[in-house]
Amino acid sequence: MPIEFKKNRALFRDEVSVEEAEALLEWLQTRPTAKVDLSACSHLHTANLQVLMTAKAGVSNWPKNAELRSWLEPALKSGE
């Protein structure tokens, strides 16, 4: 499972595809203070990025993949 949902944290793993966007949105709508851990994420479909940006989700850990981090960090920090 590319996203593991905990009580107030979502762990993103490997490739997170468009299929996960709806579940992510629903989960974030019920947890406005939730954080996401992107450290193990290697690919994030832009639908999920849009969900994270709209929800203004906090990031607890950025991707270890430097290229992925370089385009996610500016997009997600702008909403903080």
PDB file of N, CA and C in Angstrom:
ATOM      1  N   MET A   1       0.850  -1.173   0.000  1.00  0.00           N
ATOM      2  CA  MET A   1       0.000   0.000   0.000  1.00  0.00           C
ATOM      3  C   MET A   1       0.901   1.244   0.000  1.00  0.00           C
ATOM      4  N   PRO A   2       0.760   2.098  -0.985  1.00  0.00           N
ATOM      5  CA  PRO A   2       1.635   3.264  -1.120  1.00  0.00           C
ATOM      6  C   PRO A   2       1.476   4.309  -0.022  1.00  0.00           C
ATOM      7  N   ILE A   3       0.285   4.401   0.588  1.00  0.00           N
ATOM      8  CA  ILE A   3       0.089   5.323   1.709  1.00  0.00           C
ATOM      9  C   ILE A   3      -0.450   4.514   2.879  1.00  0.00           C
ATOM     10  N   GLU A   4       0.254   4.597   3.995  1.00  0.00           N
ATOM     11  CA  GLU A   4      -0.201   3.948   5.218  1.00  0.00           C
ATOM     12  C   GLU A   4      -0.734   5.042   6.131  1.00  0.00           C
ATOM     13  N   PHE A   5      -2.012   4.955   6.449  1.00  0.00           N
ATOM     14  CA  PHE A   5      -2.660   5.963   7.266  1.00  0.00           C
ATOM     15  C   PHE A   5      -2.611   5.563   8.734  1.00  0.00           C
ATOM     16  N   LYS A   6      -2.023   6.417   9.534  1.00  0.00           N
ATOM     17  CA  LYS A   6      -1.977   6.237  10.984  1.00  0.00           C
ATOM     18  C   LYS A   6      -2.999   7.191  11.594  1.00  0.00           C
ATOM     19  N   LYS A   7      -2.997   7.333  12.911  1.00  0.00           N
ATOM     20  CA  LYS A   7      -3.968   8.194  13.578  1.00  0.00           C
ATOM     21  C   LYS A   7      -3.909   9.628  13.049  1.00  0.00           C
ATOM     22  N   ASN A   8      -2.741  10.223  13.030  1.00  0.00           N
ATOM     23  CA  ASN A   8      -2.610  11.613  12.591  1.00  0.00           C
ATOM     24  C   ASN A   8      -1.394  11.804  11.685  1.00  0.00           C
ATOM     25  N   ARG A   9      -1.001  10.731  11.001  1.00  0.00           N
ATOM     26  CA  ARG A   9       0.159  10.787  10.114  1.00  0.00           C
ATOM     27  C   ARG A   9      -0.041   9.813   8.963  1.00  0.00           C
ATOM     28  N   ALA A  10       0.337  10.249   7.784  1.00  0.00           N
ATOM     29  CA  ALA A  10       0.274   9.381   6.598  1.00  0.00           C
ATOM     30  C   ALA A  10       1.700   9.129   6.127  1.00  0.00           C
ATOM     31  N   LEU A  11       2.050   7.875   5.972  1.00  0.00           N
ATOM     32  CA  LEU A  11       3.381   7.477   5.520  1.00  0.00           C
ATOM     33  C   LEU A  11       3.316   7.127   4.039  1.00  0.00           C
ATOM     34  N   PHE A  12       4.039   7.867   3.228  1.00  0.00           N
ATOM     35  CA  PHE A  12       4.069   7.641   1.783  1.00  0.00           C
ATOM     36  C   PHE A  12       5.247   6.734   1.465  1.00  0.00           C
ATOM     37  N   ARG A  13       4.982   5.683   0.676  1.00  0.00           N
ATOM     38  CA  ARG A  13       6.039   4.729   0.329  1.00  0.00           C
ATOM     39  C   ARG A  13       6.090   4.519  -1.180  1.00  0.00           C
ATOM     40  N   ASP A  14       7.297   4.448  -1.673  1.00  0.00           N
ATOM     41  CA  ASP A  14       7.541   4.124  -3.080  1.00  0.00           C
ATOM     42  C   ASP A  14       6.757   5.043  -4.017  1.00  0.00           C
ATOM     43  N   GLU A  15       6.031   4.458  -4.961  1.00  0.00           N
ATOM     44  CA  GLU A  15       5.307   5.240  -5.960  1.00  0.00           C
ATOM     45  C   GLU A  15       3.852   5.423  -5.541  1.00  0.00           C
ATOM     46  N   VAL A  16       3.464   6.680  -5.344  1.00  0.00           N
ATOM     47  CA  VAL A  16       2.095   6.998  -4.940  1.00  0.00           C
ATOM     48  C   VAL A  16       1.361   7.495  -6.184  1.00  0.00           C
ATOM     49  N   SER A  17       0.409   6.692  -6.654  1.00  0.00           N
ATOM     50  CA  SER A  17      -0.246   6.955  -7.929  1.00  0.00           C
ATOM     51  C   SER A  17      -1.548   7.738  -7.756  1.00  0.00           C
ATOM     52  N   VAL A  18      -2.178   8.045  -8.870  1.00  0.00           N
ATOM     53  CA  VAL A  18      -3.423   8.796  -8.884  1.00  0.00           C
ATOM     54  C   VAL A  18      -4.528   8.071  -8.110  1.00  0.00           C
ATOM     55  N   GLU A  19      -4.476   6.762  -8.050  1.00  0.00           N
ATOM     56  CA  GLU A  19      -5.511   5.988  -7.368  1.00  0.00           C
ATOM     57  C   GLU A  19      -5.597   6.303  -5.875  1.00  0.00           C
ATOM     58  N   GLU A  20      -4.535   6.813  -5.284  1.00  0.00           N
ATOM     59  CA  GLU A  20      -4.529   7.107  -3.850  1.00  0.00           C
ATOM     60  C   GLU A  20      -5.082   8.495  -3.510  1.00  0.00           C
ATOM     61  N   ALA A  21      -5.279   9.344  -4.487  1.00  0.00           N
ATOM     62  CA  ALA A  21      -5.652  10.738  -4.239  1.00  0.00           C
ATOM     63  C   ALA A  21      -6.989  10.887  -3.506  1.00  0.00           C
ATOM     64  N   GLU A  22      -7.984  10.127  -3.881  1.00  0.00           N
ATOM     65  CA  GLU A  22      -9.298  10.266  -3.252  1.00  0.00           C
ATOM     66  C   GLU A  22      -9.261   9.859  -1.780  1.00  0.00           C
ATOM     67  N   ALA A  23      -8.608   8.746  -1.481  1.00  0.00           N
ATOM     68  CA  ALA A  23      -8.499   8.298  -0.086  1.00  0.00           C
ATOM     69  C   ALA A  23      -7.694   9.300   0.735  1.00  0.00           C
ATOM     70  N   LEU A  24      -6.642   9.850   0.146  1.00  0.00           N
ATOM     71  CA  LEU A  24      -5.834  10.855   0.830  1.00  0.00           C
ATOM     72  C   LEU A  24      -6.671  12.086   1.142  1.00  0.00           C
ATOM     73  N   LEU A  25      -7.445  12.543   0.184  1.00  0.00           N
ATOM     74  CA  LEU A  25      -8.305  13.707   0.391  1.00  0.00           C
ATOM     75  C   LEU A  25      -9.300  13.452   1.523  1.00  0.00           C
ATOM     76  N   GLU A  26      -9.968  12.329   1.488  1.00  0.00           N
ATOM     77  CA  GLU A  26     -10.951  12.001   2.521  1.00  0.00           C
ATOM     78  C   GLU A  26     -10.301  11.934   3.896  1.00  0.00           C
ATOM     79  N   TRP A  27      -9.125  11.338   3.973  1.00  0.00           N
ATOM     80  CA  TRP A  27      -8.412  11.219   5.246  1.00  0.00           C
ATOM     81  C   TRP A  27      -8.015  12.593   5.769  1.00  0.00           C
ATOM     82  N   LEU A  28      -7.475  13.445   4.906  1.00  0.00           N
ATOM     83  CA  LEU A  28      -7.041  14.777   5.327  1.00  0.00           C
ATOM     84  C   LEU A  28      -8.219  15.673   5.718  1.00  0.00           C
ATOM     85  N   GLN A  29      -9.363  15.495   5.103  1.00  0.00           N
ATOM     86  CA  GLN A  29     -10.536  16.307   5.433  1.00  0.00           C
ATOM     87  C   GLN A  29     -10.997  16.076   6.865  1.00  0.00           C
ATOM     88  N   THR A  30     -10.738  14.907   7.401  1.00  0.00           N
ATOM     89  CA  THR A  30     -11.148  14.608   8.774  1.00  0.00           C
ATOM     90  C   THR A  30     -10.021  14.837   9.781  1.00  0.00           C
ATOM     91  N   ARG A  31      -8.840  15.243   9.297  1.00  0.00           N
ATOM     92  CA  ARG A  31      -7.678  15.456  10.167  1.00  0.00           C
ATOM     93  C   ARG A  31      -6.929  16.720   9.742  1.00  0.00           C
ATOM     94  N   PRO A  32      -7.441  17.876  10.076  1.00  0.00           N
ATOM     95  CA  PRO A  32      -6.825  19.124   9.618  1.00  0.00           C
ATOM     96  C   PRO A  32      -5.410  19.374  10.145  1.00  0.00           C
ATOM     97  N   THR A  33      -5.021  18.698  11.220  1.00  0.00           N
ATOM     98  CA  THR A  33      -3.671  18.897  11.764  1.00  0.00           C
ATOM     99  C   THR A  33      -2.726  17.757  11.405  1.00  0.00           C
ATOM    100  N   ALA A  34      -3.158  16.877  10.522  1.00  0.00           N
ATOM    101  CA  ALA A  34      -2.350  15.716  10.152  1.00  0.00           C
ATOM    102  C   ALA A  34      -1.044  16.123   9.475  1.00  0.00           C
ATOM    103  N   LYS A  35      -0.063  15.261   9.599  1.00  0.00           N
ATOM    104  CA  LYS A  35       1.249  15.442   8.963  1.00  0.00           C
ATOM    105  C   LYS A  35       1.469  14.288   7.991  1.00  0.00           C
ATOM    106  N   VAL A  36       2.294  14.544   6.995  1.00  0.00           N
ATOM    107  CA  VAL A  36       2.655  13.489   6.054  1.00  0.00           C
ATOM    108  C   VAL A  36       4.160  13.256   6.116  1.00  0.00           C
ATOM    109  N   ASP A  37       4.528  12.007   6.013  1.00  0.00           N
ATOM    110  CA  ASP A  37       5.927  11.589   6.007  1.00  0.00           C
ATOM    111  C   ASP A  37       6.241  11.111   4.593  1.00  0.00           C
ATOM    112  N   LEU A  38       7.029  11.884   3.880  1.00  0.00           N
ATOM    113  CA  LEU A  38       7.364  11.582   2.485  1.00  0.00           C
ATOM    114  C   LEU A  38       8.734  10.946   2.333  1.00  0.00           C
ATOM    115  N   SER A  39       9.389  10.606   3.430  1.00  0.00           N
ATOM    116  CA  SER A  39      10.783  10.157   3.371  1.00  0.00           C
ATOM    117  C   SER A  39      11.003   8.932   2.482  1.00  0.00           C
ATOM    118  N   ALA A  40      10.064   8.008   2.440  1.00  0.00           N
ATOM    119  CA  ALA A  40      10.232   6.795   1.640  1.00  0.00           C
ATOM    120  C   ALA A  40       9.544   6.885   0.275  1.00  0.00           C
ATOM    121  N   CYS A  41       9.028   8.045  -0.072  1.00  0.00           N
ATOM    122  CA  CYS A  41       8.336   8.228  -1.344  1.00  0.00           C
ATOM    123  C   CYS A  41       9.347   8.430  -2.473  1.00  0.00           C
ATOM    124  N   SER A  42       9.154   7.714  -3.572  1.00  0.00           N
ATOM    125  CA  SER A  42      10.057   7.866  -4.718  1.00  0.00           C
ATOM    126  C   SER A  42       9.363   8.542  -5.906  1.00  0.00           C
ATOM    127  N   HIS A  43       8.033   8.563  -5.899  1.00  0.00           N
ATOM    128  CA  HIS A  43       7.259   9.208  -6.966  1.00  0.00           C
ATOM    129  C   HIS A  43       5.904   9.610  -6.389  1.00  0.00           C
ATOM    130  N   LEU A  44       5.476  10.829  -6.682  1.00  0.00           N
ATOM    131  CA  LEU A  44       4.191  11.318  -6.202  1.00  0.00           C
ATOM    132  C   LEU A  44       3.413  11.860  -7.387  1.00  0.00           C
ATOM    133  N   HIS A  45       2.288  11.231  -7.685  1.00  0.00           N
ATOM    134  CA  HIS A  45       1.449  11.712  -8.781  1.00  0.00           C
ATOM    135  C   HIS A  45       0.946  13.109  -8.429  1.00  0.00           C
ATOM    136  N   THR A  46       0.837  13.973  -9.423  1.00  0.00           N
ATOM    137  CA  THR A  46       0.450  15.362  -9.180  1.00  0.00           C
ATOM    138  C   THR A  46      -0.952  15.501  -8.568  1.00  0.00           C
ATOM    139  N   ALA A  47      -1.813  14.525  -8.737  1.00  0.00           N
ATOM    140  CA  ALA A  47      -3.131  14.583  -8.095  1.00  0.00           C
ATOM    141  C   ALA A  47      -2.962  14.594  -6.574  1.00  0.00           C
ATOM    142  N   ASN A  48      -2.014  13.814  -6.074  1.00  0.00           N
ATOM    143  CA  ASN A  48      -1.743  13.783  -4.642  1.00  0.00           C
ATOM    144  C   ASN A  48      -1.081  15.079  -4.186  1.00  0.00           C
ATOM    145  N   LEU A  49      -0.237  15.617  -5.012  1.00  0.00           N
ATOM    146  CA  LEU A  49       0.379  16.904  -4.699  1.00  0.00           C
ATOM    147  C   LEU A  49      -0.699  17.978  -4.575  1.00  0.00           C
ATOM    148  N   GLN A  50      -1.655  17.977  -5.476  1.00  0.00           N
ATOM    149  CA  GLN A  50      -2.745  18.946  -5.416  1.00  0.00           C
ATOM    150  C   GLN A  50      -3.559  18.794  -4.138  1.00  0.00           C
ATOM    151  N   VAL A  51      -3.795  17.562  -3.722  1.00  0.00           N
ATOM    152  CA  VAL A  51      -4.518  17.310  -2.473  1.00  0.00           C
ATOM    153  C   VAL A  51      -3.721  17.870  -1.299  1.00  0.00           C
ATOM    154  N   LEU A  52      -2.436  17.597  -1.267  1.00  0.00           N
ATOM    155  CA  LEU A  52      -1.593  18.082  -0.168  1.00  0.00           C
ATOM    156  C   LEU A  52      -1.534  19.602  -0.140  1.00  0.00           C
ATOM    157  N   MET A  53      -1.458  20.218  -1.303  1.00  0.00           N
ATOM    158  CA  MET A  53      -1.406  21.679  -1.375  1.00  0.00           C
ATOM    159  C   MET A  53      -2.724  22.288  -0.915  1.00  0.00           C
ATOM    160  N   THR A  54      -3.825  21.741  -1.360  1.00  0.00           N
ATOM    161  CA  THR A  54      -5.143  22.265  -1.008  1.00  0.00           C
ATOM    162  C   THR A  54      -5.416  22.103   0.486  1.00  0.00           C
ATOM    163  N   ALA A  55      -5.025  20.962   1.030  1.00  0.00           N
ATOM    164  CA  ALA A  55      -5.251  20.687   2.455  1.00  0.00           C
ATOM    165  C   ALA A  55      -4.243  21.407   3.344  1.00  0.00           C
ATOM    166  N   LYS A  56      -3.194  21.948   2.716  1.00  0.00           N
ATOM    167  CA  LYS A  56      -2.111  22.596   3.464  1.00  0.00           C
ATOM    168  C   LYS A  56      -1.555  21.654   4.524  1.00  0.00           C
ATOM    169  N   ALA A  57      -1.356  20.419   4.095  1.00  0.00           N
ATOM    170  CA  ALA A  57      -0.861  19.384   5.000  1.00  0.00           C
ATOM    171  C   ALA A  57       0.585  19.673   5.396  1.00  0.00           C
ATOM    172  N   GLY A  58       0.870  19.473   6.660  1.00  0.00           N
ATOM    173  CA  GLY A  58       2.235  19.634   7.144  1.00  0.00           C
ATOM    174  C   GLY A  58       3.077  18.428   6.778  1.00  0.00           C
ATOM    175  N   VAL A  59       4.352  18.654   6.549  1.00  0.00           N
ATOM    176  CA  VAL A  59       5.268  17.583   6.192  1.00  0.00           C
ATOM    177  C   VAL A  59       6.209  17.343   7.368  1.00  0.00           C
ATOM    178  N   SER A  60       6.208  16.121   7.878  1.00  0.00           N
ATOM    179  CA  SER A  60       7.097  15.792   8.990  1.00  0.00           C
ATOM    180  C   SER A  60       8.471  15.383   8.491  1.00  0.00           C
ATOM    181  N   ASN A  61       8.522  14.738   7.329  1.00  0.00           N
ATOM    182  CA  ASN A  61       9.794  14.303   6.737  1.00  0.00           C
ATOM    183  C   ASN A  61       9.708  14.417   5.223  1.00  0.00           C
ATOM    184  N   TRP A  62      10.730  15.024   4.647  1.00  0.00           N
ATOM    185  CA  TRP A  62      10.801  15.208   3.189  1.00  0.00           C
ATOM    186  C   TRP A  62      11.392  13.974   2.530  1.00  0.00           C
ATOM    187  N   PRO A  63      11.155  13.785   1.217  1.00  0.00           N
ATOM    188  CA  PRO A  63      11.697  12.619   0.520  1.00  0.00           C
ATOM    189  C   PRO A  63      13.225  12.561   0.597  1.00  0.00           C
ATOM    190  N   LYS A  64      13.738  11.364   0.724  1.00  0.00           N
ATOM    191  CA  LYS A  64      15.188  11.164   0.698  1.00  0.00           C
ATOM    192  C   LYS A  64      15.715  11.387  -0.717  1.00  0.00           C
ATOM    193  N   ASN A  65      14.861  11.152  -1.706  1.00  0.00           N
ATOM    194  CA  ASN A  65      15.207  11.375  -3.106  1.00  0.00           C
ATOM    195  C   ASN A  65      15.330  12.883  -3.330  1.00  0.00           C
ATOM    196  N   ALA A  66      16.544  13.350  -3.604  1.00  0.00           N
ATOM    197  CA  ALA A  66      16.819  14.790  -3.719  1.00  0.00           C
ATOM    198  C   ALA A  66      16.041  15.451  -4.853  1.00  0.00           C
ATOM    199  N   GLU A  67      15.903  14.768  -5.975  1.00  0.00           N
ATOM    200  CA  GLU A  67      15.177  15.351  -7.108  1.00  0.00           C
ATOM    201  C   GLU A  67      13.696  15.541  -6.765  1.00  0.00           C
ATOM    202  N   LEU A  68      13.102  14.544  -6.163  1.00  0.00           N
ATOM    203  CA  LEU A  68      11.694  14.648  -5.770  1.00  0.00           C
ATOM    204  C   LEU A  68      11.515  15.749  -4.731  1.00  0.00           C
ATOM    205  N   ARG A  69      12.405  15.778  -3.766  1.00  0.00           N
ATOM    206  CA  ARG A  69      12.320  16.817  -2.736  1.00  0.00           C
ATOM    207  C   ARG A  69      12.436  18.218  -3.335  1.00  0.00           C
ATOM    208  N   SER A  70      13.283  18.362  -4.353  1.00  0.00           N
ATOM    209  CA  SER A  70      13.527  19.684  -4.935  1.00  0.00           C
ATOM    210  C   SER A  70      12.281  20.299  -5.568  1.00  0.00           C
ATOM    211  N   TRP A  71      11.335  19.493  -6.023  1.00  0.00           N
ATOM    212  CA  TRP A  71      10.120  20.084  -6.585  1.00  0.00           C
ATOM    213  C   TRP A  71       8.942  20.025  -5.624  1.00  0.00           C
ATOM    214  N   LEU A  72       8.983  19.130  -4.626  1.00  0.00           N
ATOM    215  CA  LEU A  72       7.892  19.079  -3.654  1.00  0.00           C
ATOM    216  C   LEU A  72       8.018  20.157  -2.580  1.00  0.00           C
ATOM    217  N   GLU A  73       9.221  20.362  -2.108  1.00  0.00           N
ATOM    218  CA  GLU A  73       9.407  21.285  -0.984  1.00  0.00           C
ATOM    219  C   GLU A  73       8.913  22.712  -1.283  1.00  0.00           C
ATOM    220  N   PRO A  74       9.268  23.323  -2.409  1.00  0.00           N
ATOM    221  CA  PRO A  74       8.754  24.663  -2.671  1.00  0.00           C
ATOM    222  C   PRO A  74       7.234  24.703  -2.809  1.00  0.00           C
ATOM    223  N   ALA A  75       6.665  23.679  -3.409  1.00  0.00           N
ATOM    224  CA  ALA A  75       5.205  23.644  -3.617  1.00  0.00           C
ATOM    225  C   ALA A  75       4.463  23.494  -2.294  1.00  0.00           C
ATOM    226  N   LEU A  76       4.979  22.663  -1.407  1.00  0.00           N
ATOM    227  CA  LEU A  76       4.273  22.399  -0.154  1.00  0.00           C
ATOM    228  C   LEU A  76       4.614  23.409   0.939  1.00  0.00           C
ATOM    229  N   LYS A  77       5.763  24.002   0.879  1.00  0.00           N
ATOM    230  CA  LYS A  77       6.111  25.017   1.879  1.00  0.00           C
ATOM    231  C   LYS A  77       5.381  26.327   1.617  1.00  0.00           C
ATOM    232  N   SER A  78       4.974  26.559   0.380  1.00  0.00           N
ATOM    233  CA  SER A  78       4.285  27.812   0.060  1.00  0.00           C
ATOM    234  C   SER A  78       2.943  27.921   0.762  1.00  0.00           C
ATOM    235  N   GLY A  79       2.362  26.777   1.141  1.00  0.00           N
ATOM    236  CA  GLY A  79       1.087  26.790   1.826  1.00  0.00           C
ATOM    237  C   GLY A  79       1.185  26.908   3.333  1.00  0.00           C
ATOM    238  N   GLU A  80       2.383  26.867   3.871  1.00  0.00           N
ATOM    239  CA  GLU A  80       2.565  26.939   5.326  1.00  0.00           C
ATOM    240  C   GLU A  80       2.393  28.345   5.858  1.00  0.00           C
TER     241      GLU A  80
END
